[in-house]
C-alpha atoms as a PDB file:
ATOM      1  CA  MET A   1      -4.645 -46.244 -11.820  1.00  0.00           C
ATOM      2  CA  LYS A   2      -4.234 -48.402 -14.876  1.00  0.00           C
ATOM      3  CA  LEU A   3      -4.973 -52.109 -14.733  1.00  0.00           C
ATOM      4  CA  ALA A   4      -2.757 -54.626 -16.599  1.00  0.00           C
ATOM      5  CA  PRO A   5      -3.959 -58.051 -16.459  1.00  0.00           C
ATOM      6  CA  SER A   6      -1.628 -60.915 -16.763  1.00  0.00           C
ATOM      7  CA  ILE A   7      -2.590 -63.632 -19.090  1.00  0.00           C
ATOM      8  CA  TYR A   8      -0.558 -65.956 -16.850  1.00  0.00           C
ATOM      9  CA  THR A   9      -3.956 -66.947 -14.960  1.00  0.00           C
ATOM     10  CA  ALA A  10      -5.830 -66.853 -18.010  1.00  0.00           C
ATOM     11  CA  ASP A  11      -7.363 -69.927 -19.835  1.00  0.00           C
ATOM     12  CA  PHE A  12      -5.223 -70.627 -22.735  1.00  0.00           C
ATOM     13  CA  ALA A  13      -7.834 -72.497 -24.651  1.00  0.00           C
ATOM     14  CA  ARG A  14      -9.662 -69.239 -24.769  1.00  0.00           C
ATOM     15  CA  LEU A  15      -6.907 -66.591 -24.550  1.00  0.00           C
ATOM     16  CA  GLY A  16      -8.227 -64.384 -27.469  1.00  0.00           C
ATOM     17  CA  GLU A  17     -11.743 -64.549 -26.047  1.00  0.00           C
ATOM     18  CA  GLN A  18     -10.380 -63.682 -22.264  1.00  0.00           C
ATOM     19  CA  ILE A  19      -8.061 -60.800 -23.427  1.00  0.00           C
ATOM     20  CA  GLN A  20     -11.129 -59.171 -25.599  1.00  0.00           C
ATOM     21  CA  ALA A  21     -13.452 -59.726 -22.578  1.00  0.00           C
ATOM     22  CA  ALA A  22     -10.685 -57.764 -20.301  1.00  0.00           C
ATOM     23  CA  GLU A  23     -10.480 -55.275 -23.113  1.00  0.00           C
ATOM     24  CA  ARG A  24     -14.335 -54.970 -23.129  1.00  0.00           C
ATOM     25  CA  ALA A  25     -14.387 -54.524 -19.388  1.00  0.00           C
ATOM     26  CA  GLY A  26     -12.175 -51.509 -19.415  1.00  0.00           C
ATOM     27  CA  VAL A  27      -8.783 -52.609 -18.545  1.00  0.00           C
ATOM     28  CA  ASP A  28      -5.775 -50.277 -19.619  1.00  0.00           C
ATOM     29  CA  LEU A  29      -3.038 -52.683 -21.200  1.00  0.00           C
ATOM     30  CA  ILE A  30      -2.322 -56.621 -21.339  1.00  0.00           C
ATOM     31  CA  HIS A  31       0.810 -57.902 -19.252  1.00  0.00           C
ATOM     32  CA  LEU A  32       2.655 -60.808 -20.600  1.00  0.00           C
ATOM     33  CA  ASP A  33       4.999 -62.874 -18.104  1.00  0.00           C
ATOM     34  CA  VAL A  34       7.655 -64.470 -20.070  1.00  0.00           C
ATOM     35  CA  MET A  35       9.538 -67.167 -17.897  1.00  0.00           C
ATOM     36  CA  ASP A  36      12.310 -69.312 -18.895  1.00  0.00           C
ATOM     37  CA  GLY A  37      12.587 -71.959 -16.380  1.00  0.00           C
ATOM     38  CA  ARG A  38      16.126 -70.829 -15.523  1.00  0.00           C
ATOM     39  CA  PHE A  39      15.800 -67.030 -14.208  1.00  0.00           C
ATOM     40  CA  VAL A  40      12.743 -68.217 -12.576  1.00  0.00           C
ATOM     41  CA  PRO A  41      11.736 -71.884 -11.849  1.00  0.00           C
ATOM     42  CA  SER A  42       8.456 -71.685 -14.018  1.00  0.00           C
ATOM     43  CA  LEU A  43       8.223 -71.992 -17.652  1.00  0.00           C
ATOM     44  CA  THR A  44       5.416 -70.139 -19.580  1.00  0.00           C
ATOM     45  CA  PHE A  45       5.822 -68.855 -23.125  1.00  0.00           C
ATOM     46  CA  GLY A  46       7.746 -66.764 -25.797  1.00  0.00           C
ATOM     47  CA  PRO A  47       7.305 -64.415 -28.701  1.00  0.00           C
ATOM     48  CA  ALA A  48       4.842 -66.705 -30.534  1.00  0.00           C
ATOM     49  CA  VAL A  49       2.035 -66.591 -27.711  1.00  0.00           C
ATOM     50  CA  CYS A  50       2.897 -62.753 -27.247  1.00  0.00           C
ATOM     51  CA  ALA A  51       2.045 -62.182 -30.939  1.00  0.00           C
ATOM     52  CA  ALA A  52      -1.123 -64.132 -30.733  1.00  0.00           C
ATOM     53  CA  ALA A  53      -2.198 -62.072 -27.640  1.00  0.00           C
ATOM     54  CA  LYS A  54      -1.397 -58.896 -29.396  1.00  0.00           C
ATOM     55  CA  ARG A  55      -3.618 -59.912 -32.576  1.00  0.00           C
ATOM     56  CA  SER A  56      -6.604 -60.376 -30.068  1.00  0.00           C
ATOM     57  CA  THR A  57      -6.502 -56.815 -28.977  1.00  0.00           C
ATOM     58  CA  GLY A  58      -6.315 -53.093 -29.676  1.00  0.00           C
ATOM     59  CA  LEU A  59      -4.521 -52.698 -26.342  1.00  0.00           C
ATOM     60  CA  ALA A  60      -0.925 -51.945 -25.746  1.00  0.00           C
ATOM     61  CA  CYS A  61       0.948 -55.096 -24.681  1.00  0.00           C
ATOM     62  CA  GLU A  62       4.032 -55.291 -22.260  1.00  0.00           C
ATOM     63  CA  ALA A  63       6.356 -58.121 -21.968  1.00  0.00           C
ATOM     64  CA  HIS A  64       7.771 -58.981 -18.574  1.00  0.00           C
ATOM     65  CA  LEU A  65      11.012 -60.923 -19.608  1.00  0.00           C
ATOM     66  CA  MET A  66      11.823 -63.076 -16.479  1.00  0.00           C
ATOM     67  CA  ILE A  67      14.607 -64.607 -18.540  1.00  0.00           C
ATOM     68  CA  GLU A  68      18.219 -65.100 -18.909  1.00  0.00           C
ATOM     69  CA  ALA A  69      20.299 -62.912 -21.132  1.00  0.00           C
ATOM     70  CA  PRO A  70      16.996 -60.963 -22.268  1.00  0.00           C
ATOM     71  CA  GLU A  71      19.243 -58.856 -24.730  1.00  0.00           C
ATOM     72  CA  ARG A  72      19.373 -61.800 -26.933  1.00  0.00           C
ATOM     73  CA  HIS A  73      15.493 -61.703 -27.485  1.00  0.00           C
ATOM     74  CA  LEU A  74      14.459 -58.145 -27.616  1.00  0.00           C
ATOM     75  CA  ALA A  75      14.079 -57.970 -31.402  1.00  0.00           C
ATOM     76  CA  ASP A  76      11.732 -61.112 -31.444  1.00  0.00           C
ATOM     77  CA  PHE A  77       9.455 -59.364 -28.775  1.00  0.00           C
ATOM     78  CA  GLN A  78       9.482 -56.258 -30.907  1.00  0.00           C
ATOM     79  CA  ARG A  79       8.111 -58.101 -33.915  1.00  0.00           C
ATOM     80  CA  ALA A  80       5.540 -59.788 -31.500  1.00  0.00           C
ATOM     81  CA  GLY A  81       3.816 -56.346 -31.397  1.00  0.00           C
ATOM     82  CA  MET A  82       4.895 -55.456 -27.639  1.00  0.00           C
ATOM     83  CA  SER A  83       5.003 -51.785 -27.039  1.00  0.00           C
ATOM     84  CA  ARG A  84       7.061 -52.099 -23.730  1.00  0.00           C
ATOM     85  CA  LEU A  85       9.629 -54.467 -22.829  1.00  0.00           C
ATOM     86  CA  ILE A  86      10.496 -55.047 -18.654  1.00  0.00           C
ATOM     87  CA  VAL A  87      13.883 -56.391 -17.818  1.00  0.00           C
ATOM     88  CA  HIS A  88      15.234 -57.559 -14.343  1.00  0.00           C
ATOM     89  CA  ALA A  89      17.978 -55.613 -12.726  1.00  0.00           C
ATOM     90  CA  GLU A  90      19.089 -59.109 -11.440  1.00  0.00           C
ATOM     91  CA  GLY A  91      19.630 -60.463 -14.827  1.00  0.00           C
ATOM     92  CA  CYS A  92      21.227 -57.659 -16.706  1.00  0.00           C
ATOM     93  CA  PRO A  93      24.905 -57.224 -16.238  1.00  0.00           C
ATOM     94  CA  HIS A  94      25.141 -54.814 -18.747  1.00  0.00           C
ATOM     95  CA  LEU A  95      21.971 -52.873 -18.071  1.00  0.00           C
ATOM     96  CA  TYR A  96      22.616 -49.732 -19.786  1.00  0.00           C
ATOM     97  CA  SER A  97      23.187 -51.327 -23.136  1.00  0.00           C
ATOM     98  CA  THR A  98      19.985 -53.491 -22.518  1.00  0.00           C
ATOM     99  CA  LEU A  99      17.938 -50.370 -21.997  1.00  0.00           C
ATOM    100  CA  GLU A 100      19.529 -48.478 -25.021  1.00  0.00           C
ATOM    101  CA  ALA A 101      18.880 -51.716 -27.327  1.00  0.00           C
ATOM    102  CA  ILE A 102      15.134 -51.555 -26.144  1.00  0.00           C
ATOM    103  CA  HIS A 103      14.898 -47.826 -27.068  1.00  0.00           C
ATOM    104  CA  ALA A 104      16.695 -48.640 -30.483  1.00  0.00           C
ATOM    105  CA  LEU A 105      13.671 -50.804 -31.226  1.00  0.00           C
ATOM    106  CA  GLY A 106      11.303 -48.017 -30.555  1.00  0.00           C
ATOM    107  CA  LEU A 107       9.967 -49.473 -27.633  1.00  0.00           C
ATOM    108  CA  GLY A 108       9.593 -48.386 -24.039  1.00  0.00           C
ATOM    109  CA  ALA A 109      12.054 -49.791 -21.270  1.00  0.00           C
ATOM    110  CA  GLY A 110      10.911 -51.041 -17.929  1.00  0.00           C
ATOM    111  CA  LEU A 111      13.196 -52.256 -15.038  1.00  0.00           C
ATOM    112  CA  ALA A 112      11.725 -54.794 -12.625  1.00  0.00           C
ATOM    113  CA  LEU A 113      13.203 -55.544  -9.131  1.00  0.00           C
ATOM    114  CA  ASN A 114      12.677 -58.362  -6.938  1.00  0.00           C
ATOM    115  CA  PRO A 115      11.481 -57.994  -3.294  1.00  0.00           C
ATOM    116  CA  LEU A 116      14.676 -57.617  -1.707  1.00  0.00           C
ATOM    117  CA  THR A 117      16.981 -56.146  -4.578  1.00  0.00           C
ATOM    118  CA  PRO A 118      18.183 -52.734  -3.095  1.00  0.00           C
ATOM    119  CA  LEU A 119      16.481 -49.794  -4.832  1.00  0.00           C
ATOM    120  CA  THR A 120      19.826 -47.927  -5.269  1.00  0.00           C
ATOM    121  CA  VAL A 121      20.114 -49.880  -8.466  1.00  0.00           C
ATOM    122  CA  LEU A 122      17.643 -47.234  -9.758  1.00  0.00           C
ATOM    123  CA  GLU A 123      19.579 -44.037  -8.959  1.00  0.00           C
ATOM    124  CA  ASP A 124      21.434 -44.060 -12.232  1.00  0.00           C
ATOM    125  CA  ALA A 125      18.821 -46.132 -14.147  1.00  0.00           C
ATOM    126  CA  LEU A 126      15.992 -43.883 -13.754  1.00  0.00           C
ATOM    127  CA  PRO A 127      16.532 -41.386 -16.617  1.00  0.00           C
ATOM    128  CA  TYR A 128      16.551 -44.263 -19.163  1.00  0.00           C
ATOM    129  CA  LEU A 129      13.214 -45.861 -18.044  1.00  0.00           C
ATOM    130  CA  GLU A 130       9.700 -45.464 -19.038  1.00  0.00           C
ATOM    131  CA  LEU A 131       8.687 -47.855 -16.147  1.00  0.00           C
ATOM    132  CA  VAL A 132       9.558 -49.130 -12.910  1.00  0.00           C
ATOM    133  CA  LEU A 133       8.238 -52.488 -11.849  1.00  0.00           C
ATOM    134  CA  ILE A 134       8.208 -53.265  -8.176  1.00  0.00           C
ATOM    135  CA  MET A 135       7.677 -56.876  -7.551  1.00  0.00           C
ATOM    136  CA  SER A 136       5.700 -57.563  -4.453  1.00  0.00           C
ATOM    137  CA  VAL A 137       6.005 -61.453  -4.394  1.00  0.00           C
ATOM    138  CA  GLU A 138       8.792 -63.217  -5.580  1.00  0.00           C
ATOM    139  CA  PRO A 139       8.577 -63.684  -9.475  1.00  0.00           C
ATOM    140  CA  GLY A 140       7.852 -67.175 -11.151  1.00  0.00           C
ATOM    141  CA  PHE A 141       4.625 -68.412  -9.388  1.00  0.00           C
ATOM    142  CA  GLY A 142       1.285 -66.968  -9.480  1.00  0.00           C
ATOM    143  CA  GLY A 143      -1.016 -66.771  -6.417  1.00  0.00           C
ATOM    144  CA  GLN A 144       1.339 -65.718  -3.772  1.00  0.00           C
ATOM    145  CA  PRO A 145       0.028 -63.263  -1.032  1.00  0.00           C
ATOM    146  CA  PHE A 146       1.330 -59.586  -1.347  1.00  0.00           C
ATOM    147  CA  ILE A 147       4.518 -59.030   0.746  1.00  0.00           C
ATOM    148  CA  PRO A 148       3.464 -56.106   2.983  1.00  0.00           C
ATOM    149  CA  GLY A 149       7.096 -54.553   3.167  1.00  0.00           C
ATOM    150  CA  ALA A 150       6.621 -53.837  -0.698  1.00  0.00           C
ATOM    151  CA  LEU A 151       4.437 -50.798   0.295  1.00  0.00           C
ATOM    152  CA  ALA A 152       7.388 -48.760   1.691  1.00  0.00           C
ATOM    153  CA  ARG A 153       9.502 -49.721  -1.373  1.00  0.00           C
ATOM    154  CA  ILE A 154       6.559 -48.505  -3.769  1.00  0.00           C
ATOM    155  CA  ALA A 155       6.520 -45.139  -1.726  1.00  0.00           C
ATOM    156  CA  ARG A 156      10.420 -44.774  -1.772  1.00  0.00           C
ATOM    157  CA  VAL A 157      10.470 -45.213  -5.514  1.00  0.00           C
ATOM    158  CA  ARG A 158       7.339 -42.710  -5.760  1.00  0.00           C
ATOM    159  CA  ALA A 159       9.555 -40.237  -4.060  1.00  0.00           C
ATOM    160  CA  MET A 160      12.742 -40.993  -6.287  1.00  0.00           C
ATOM    161  CA  LEU A 161      10.468 -40.538  -9.536  1.00  0.00           C
ATOM    162  CA  ASP A 162       9.118 -37.175  -7.978  1.00  0.00           C
ATOM    163  CA  ASP A 163      12.419 -35.953  -7.000  1.00  0.00           C
ATOM    164  CA  ILE A 164      13.747 -35.821 -10.553  1.00  0.00           C
ATOM    165  CA  GLY A 165      10.517 -35.231 -12.286  1.00  0.00           C
ATOM    166  CA  SER A 166      10.529 -38.543 -14.144  1.00  0.00           C
ATOM    167  CA  PRO A 167       7.158 -39.384 -15.885  1.00  0.00           C
ATOM    168  CA  ALA A 168       8.142 -43.084 -15.664  1.00  0.00           C
ATOM    169  CA  GLU A 169       5.223 -45.167 -14.569  1.00  0.00           C
ATOM    170  CA  LEU A 170       5.471 -47.034 -11.324  1.00  0.00           C
ATOM    171  CA  GLU A 171       3.969 -50.555 -11.679  1.00  0.00           C
ATOM    172  CA  VAL A 172       3.450 -53.289  -8.963  1.00  0.00           C
ATOM    173  CA  ASP A 173       3.340 -56.864  -9.657  1.00  0.00           C
ATOM    174  CA  GLY A 174       2.397 -59.787  -7.218  1.00  0.00           C
ATOM    175  CA  GLY A 175      -0.587 -60.345  -4.950  1.00  0.00           C
ATOM    176  CA  VAL A 176      -2.792 -57.241  -6.138  1.00  0.00           C
ATOM    177  CA  ASN A 177      -6.383 -57.875  -5.630  1.00  0.00           C
ATOM    178  CA  SER A 178      -9.530 -56.077  -4.476  1.00  0.00           C
ATOM    179  CA  SER A 179      -7.825 -56.362  -0.631  1.00  0.00           C
ATOM    180  CA  THR A 180      -4.617 -54.799  -1.679  1.00  0.00           C
ATOM    181  CA  ILE A 181      -5.098 -52.688  -4.591  1.00  0.00           C
ATOM    182  CA  ARG A 182      -6.031 -49.559  -2.555  1.00  0.00           C
ATOM    183  CA  ALA A 183      -3.005 -49.511  -0.430  1.00  0.00           C
ATOM    184  CA  VAL A 184      -0.677 -49.980  -3.574  1.00  0.00           C
ATOM    185  CA  ARG A 185      -2.413 -46.967  -4.922  1.00  0.00           C
ATOM    186  CA  ASP A 186      -1.986 -44.969  -1.881  1.00  0.00           C
ATOM    187  CA  ALA A 187       1.683 -45.860  -1.828  1.00  0.00           C
ATOM    188  CA  GLY A 188       2.084 -44.207  -5.487  1.00  0.00           C
ATOM    189  CA  ALA A 189       1.769 -46.968  -8.020  1.00  0.00           C
ATOM    190  CA  THR A 190       0.163 -45.749 -11.404  1.00  0.00           C
ATOM    191  CA  VAL A 191      -0.209 -49.335 -12.846  1.00  0.00           C
ATOM    192  CA  VAL A 192      -0.927 -52.756 -11.214  1.00  0.00           C
ATOM    193  CA  VAL A 193      -0.431 -56.131 -12.657  1.00  0.00           C
ATOM    194  CA  VAL A 194      -3.490 -58.254 -11.729  1.00  0.00           C
ATOM    195  CA  GLY A 195      -3.905 -61.966 -12.429  1.00  0.00           C
ATOM    196  CA  SER A 196      -6.483 -64.216 -10.731  1.00  0.00           C
ATOM    197  CA  ALA A 197      -8.148 -61.147  -9.730  1.00  0.00           C
ATOM    198  CA  VAL A 198      -9.359 -60.870 -13.509  1.00  0.00           C
ATOM    199  CA  PHE A 199      -9.034 -64.243 -15.051  1.00  0.00           C
ATOM    200  CA  SER A 200     -10.430 -66.764 -12.605  1.00  0.00           C
ATOM    201  CA  ASP A 201     -12.941 -69.530 -12.860  1.00  0.00           C
ATOM    202  CA  LYS A 202     -14.664 -68.114  -9.675  1.00  0.00           C
ATOM    203  CA  THR A 203     -15.872 -64.819 -11.200  1.00  0.00           C
ATOM    204  CA  SER A 204     -16.328 -63.410 -14.817  1.00  0.00           C
ATOM    205  CA  VAL A 205     -13.518 -61.227 -16.291  1.00  0.00           C
ATOM    206  CA  ALA A 206     -16.089 -58.070 -16.014  1.00  0.00           C
ATOM    207  CA  ASP A 207     -16.678 -58.627 -12.413  1.00  0.00           C
ATOM    208  CA  GLY A 208     -13.257 -59.109 -11.657  1.00  0.00           C
ATOM    209  CA  VAL A 209     -12.642 -55.654 -13.172  1.00  0.00           C
ATOM    210  CA  ARG A 210     -15.386 -53.803 -11.461  1.00  0.00           C
ATOM    211  CA  ALA A 211     -14.287 -54.862  -8.126  1.00  0.00           C
ATOM    212  CA  LEU A 212     -10.970 -54.045  -8.598  1.00  0.00           C
ATOM    213  CA  ARG A 213     -12.046 -50.530  -9.714  1.00  0.00           C
ATOM    214  CA  ALA A 214     -14.579 -50.086  -6.928  1.00  0.00           C
ATOM    215  CA  ALA A 215     -11.703 -51.220  -4.378  1.00  0.00           C
ATOM    216  CA  SER A 216      -9.179 -48.670  -5.713  1.00  0.00           C
ATOM    217  CA  ALA A 217     -11.599 -45.892  -5.861  1.00  0.00           C
END
């Protein structure tokens, strides 16, 4: 299983240092939670911080766009060095066009679904995706507990991907830590977004990564 630490919980005064520590610890990619204060209540950062994060690492970076009208900003994140852009089904009324615009920029396209968004939206979208992101908390706030019902949703999406032979990755975001990561893996996820389990003032980045690897083994 791939680990994608989110910089949302990192110390921004030492952002580059913390990203490099995560890379040395063996994480697989860096996850950037972009929030606009409208699609979700919280406000984080935009393309400039994403570009700074990318300059700090040789790992691939993905931007999770929790923003209104993400189609207006796709090129900005491509220029910031992102390898994959993840948009929300709930925020894209013209989803096909948005996914095609991401591909036209040479990037991988991901689709995120909130905890109670029906999975039927994926039935026609799957052929156009490199990644499906299942939210296991409500988007917009860190530190929320994992919603247990998300496990059944992960398993259903795993079956949907397998049924059509899709190589798309299945990512889970929200409340993933050493207590929940094994169940998420067993349900069929291939990538997990982790925040305070890696970037925390209670443990080192390396220790956090080791604990997650051990718990998911």
